[in-house]
Amino acid sequence: MRRLLALICLVSCALAVSACATTTSTSKFKGAEHEVAQTVANLQSDVTAGDQKKICANDLTSAVVGRLGGRKKCEAALKTQVAQIDSTEAVVESVQVSGTTATAKVKATYSGKKKLGTLSLEKESSKWKISTLQ
């Protein structure tokens, strides 16, 4: 449970953007790659808005939400984490799609340092959702 909460916190921290910062651009991607990049942009938007309900319902796989104890516990776990996020910018550098799984390389500035992370996504009910952060 702690490892998963850390995962959610890292995803949120890596992708958070302040209201005045730029948003994730998805225009350079086409087809399924665009859909994956859009999922990252949606997560970024939901984190910026502090909308943990949307994060748990729309952005994370049901497996991740289940490991957190269900939607209500997911929302509670994210409430504190989202409130503590620094303002950062994130850029989707690349997307690779293979069937119903995908990876997105995301460069984010967090605590003044640029970091490249990899988000894993899964297609769930015809929608891409975040499954892990590496």
Protein backbone atom coordinates (compact mmCIF):
# COMPACT_ATOMS: atom_id res chain seq x y z
CA MET A 1 0.00 0.00 0.00
CA ARG A 2 2.79 2.46 0.87
CA ARG A 3 4.64 1.70 -2.36
CA LEU A 4 1.49 2.34 -4.37
CA LEU A 5 0.80 5.58 -2.53
CA ALA A 6 4.37 6.62 -3.28
CA LEU A 7 3.72 5.77 -6.94
CA ILE A 8 0.64 7.99 -7.01
CA CYS A 9 2.53 10.77 -5.28
CA LEU A 10 5.40 10.52 -7.77
CA VAL A 11 3.03 10.54 -10.73
CA SER A 12 1.23 13.53 -9.31
CA CYS A 13 4.43 15.39 -8.46
CA ALA A 14 6.03 14.63 -11.79
CA LEU A 15 3.07 15.86 -13.77
CA ALA A 16 1.64 18.71 -11.75
CA VAL A 17 1.49 22.10 -13.38
CA SER A 18 0.56 25.38 -11.80
CA ALA A 19 -2.35 27.33 -13.24
CA CYS A 20 0.02 29.79 -14.92
CA ALA A 21 2.37 27.18 -16.39
CA THR A 22 2.07 25.64 -19.80
CA THR A 23 0.08 22.48 -20.29
CA THR A 24 1.23 19.25 -21.87
CA SER A 25 1.27 19.53 -25.64
CA THR A 26 -0.19 16.57 -27.49
CA SER A 27 -0.13 18.07 -30.99
CA LYS A 28 3.01 16.27 -32.19
CA PHE A 29 1.39 12.86 -31.63
CA LYS A 30 -1.11 11.10 -33.90
CA GLY A 31 -3.55 8.23 -33.46
CA ALA A 32 -3.06 6.00 -30.40
CA GLU A 33 0.08 7.91 -29.43
CA HIS A 34 -2.01 11.09 -29.26
CA GLU A 35 -4.57 9.33 -27.04
CA VAL A 36 -1.78 8.27 -24.65
CA ALA A 37 -0.29 11.78 -24.57
CA GLN A 38 -3.78 13.16 -23.97
CA THR A 39 -4.16 10.86 -20.94
CA VAL A 40 -0.98 12.39 -19.50
CA ALA A 41 -2.34 15.88 -20.24
CA ASN A 42 -5.63 14.97 -18.56
CA LEU A 43 -3.80 13.75 -15.45
CA GLN A 44 -1.82 16.98 -15.41
CA SER A 45 -5.01 19.01 -15.66
CA ASP A 46 -6.76 17.02 -12.93
CA VAL A 47 -3.77 17.37 -10.60
CA THR A 48 -3.64 21.12 -11.28
CA ALA A 49 -7.34 21.38 -10.43
CA GLY A 50 -6.84 19.30 -7.27
CA ASP A 51 -9.55 16.97 -8.51
CA GLN A 52 -8.65 13.65 -6.90
CA LYS A 53 -12.08 12.26 -7.85
CA LYS A 54 -11.24 12.62 -11.53
CA ILE A 55 -7.72 11.28 -11.01
CA CYS A 56 -9.04 8.11 -9.37
CA ALA A 57 -12.02 7.71 -11.72
CA ASN A 58 -10.51 8.72 -15.05
CA ASP A 59 -6.72 8.75 -14.96
CA LEU A 60 -5.65 5.64 -13.03
CA THR A 61 -6.35 2.00 -13.90
CA SER A 62 -8.91 0.15 -11.81
CA ALA A 63 -6.05 -2.09 -10.61
CA VAL A 64 -4.20 0.91 -9.15
CA VAL A 65 -7.38 2.26 -7.57
CA GLY A 66 -8.13 -1.21 -6.18
CA ARG A 67 -4.66 -1.52 -4.63
CA LEU A 68 -5.32 1.78 -2.87
CA GLY A 69 -8.48 0.29 -1.35
CA GLY A 70 -11.09 1.51 -3.81
CA ARG A 71 -12.14 4.88 -5.14
CA LYS A 72 -12.89 6.57 -1.78
CA LYS A 73 -9.53 5.54 -0.28
CA CYS A 74 -7.77 6.53 -3.50
CA GLU A 75 -9.35 9.98 -3.30
CA ALA A 76 -8.41 10.32 0.37
CA ALA A 77 -4.82 9.25 -0.31
CA LEU A 78 -4.47 11.76 -3.14
CA LYS A 79 -6.15 14.65 -1.33
CA THR A 80 -3.13 15.32 0.88
CA GLN A 81 -0.60 14.57 -1.86
CA VAL A 82 -2.16 16.84 -4.47
CA ALA A 83 -2.31 19.73 -1.99
CA GLN A 84 1.47 19.53 -1.43
CA ILE A 85 2.62 19.56 -5.05
CA ASP A 86 5.13 22.14 -6.22
CA SER A 87 4.50 23.99 -9.45
CA THR A 88 6.25 22.16 -12.27
CA GLU A 89 6.13 21.81 -16.02
CA ALA A 90 5.96 18.50 -17.85
CA VAL A 91 6.60 17.56 -21.47
CA VAL A 92 5.67 14.28 -23.09
CA GLU A 93 8.90 13.49 -24.92
CA SER A 94 7.84 10.25 -26.59
CA VAL A 95 5.10 7.64 -26.66
CA GLN A 96 5.31 3.98 -27.60
CA VAL A 97 2.16 1.91 -28.09
CA SER A 98 2.07 -1.88 -28.24
CA GLY A 99 -1.45 -3.27 -28.41
CA THR A 100 -3.26 -2.41 -25.19
CA THR A 101 -0.16 -1.15 -23.36
CA ALA A 102 1.90 1.98 -23.81
CA THR A 103 4.76 3.93 -22.31
CA ALA A 104 5.20 7.68 -22.22
CA LYS A 105 8.54 9.34 -21.50
CA VAL A 106 7.79 12.50 -19.57
CA LYS A 107 10.30 15.22 -18.69
CA ALA A 108 9.31 17.25 -15.65
CA THR A 109 10.92 19.95 -13.59
CA TYR A 110 10.54 19.14 -9.92
CA SER A 111 12.33 21.00 -7.14
CA GLY A 112 14.32 22.87 -9.76
CA LYS A 113 15.70 19.77 -11.46
CA LYS A 114 14.66 18.26 -14.78
CA LYS A 115 13.85 14.57 -14.54
CA LEU A 116 12.81 12.06 -17.17
CA GLY A 117 10.30 9.47 -16.03
CA THR A 118 8.41 6.71 -17.75
CA LEU A 119 4.68 6.26 -17.29
CA SER A 120 3.14 2.92 -18.17
CA LEU A 121 -0.42 2.96 -19.42
CA GLU A 122 -3.02 0.33 -20.18
CA LYS A 123 -6.10 0.51 -22.34
CA GLU A 124 -9.07 -0.10 -20.09
CA SER A 125 -12.61 0.00 -21.51
CA SER A 126 -11.29 1.74 -24.66
CA LYS A 127 -9.58 4.47 -22.61
CA TRP A 128 -5.87 4.82 -21.78
CA LYS A 129 -5.10 4.98 -18.06
CA ILE A 130 -1.94 5.29 -15.96
CA SER A 131 -0.80 1.95 -14.51
CA THR A 132 2.73 2.61 -13.18
CA LEU A 133 5.59 5.07 -13.02
CA GLN A 134 9.16 3.90 -13.55
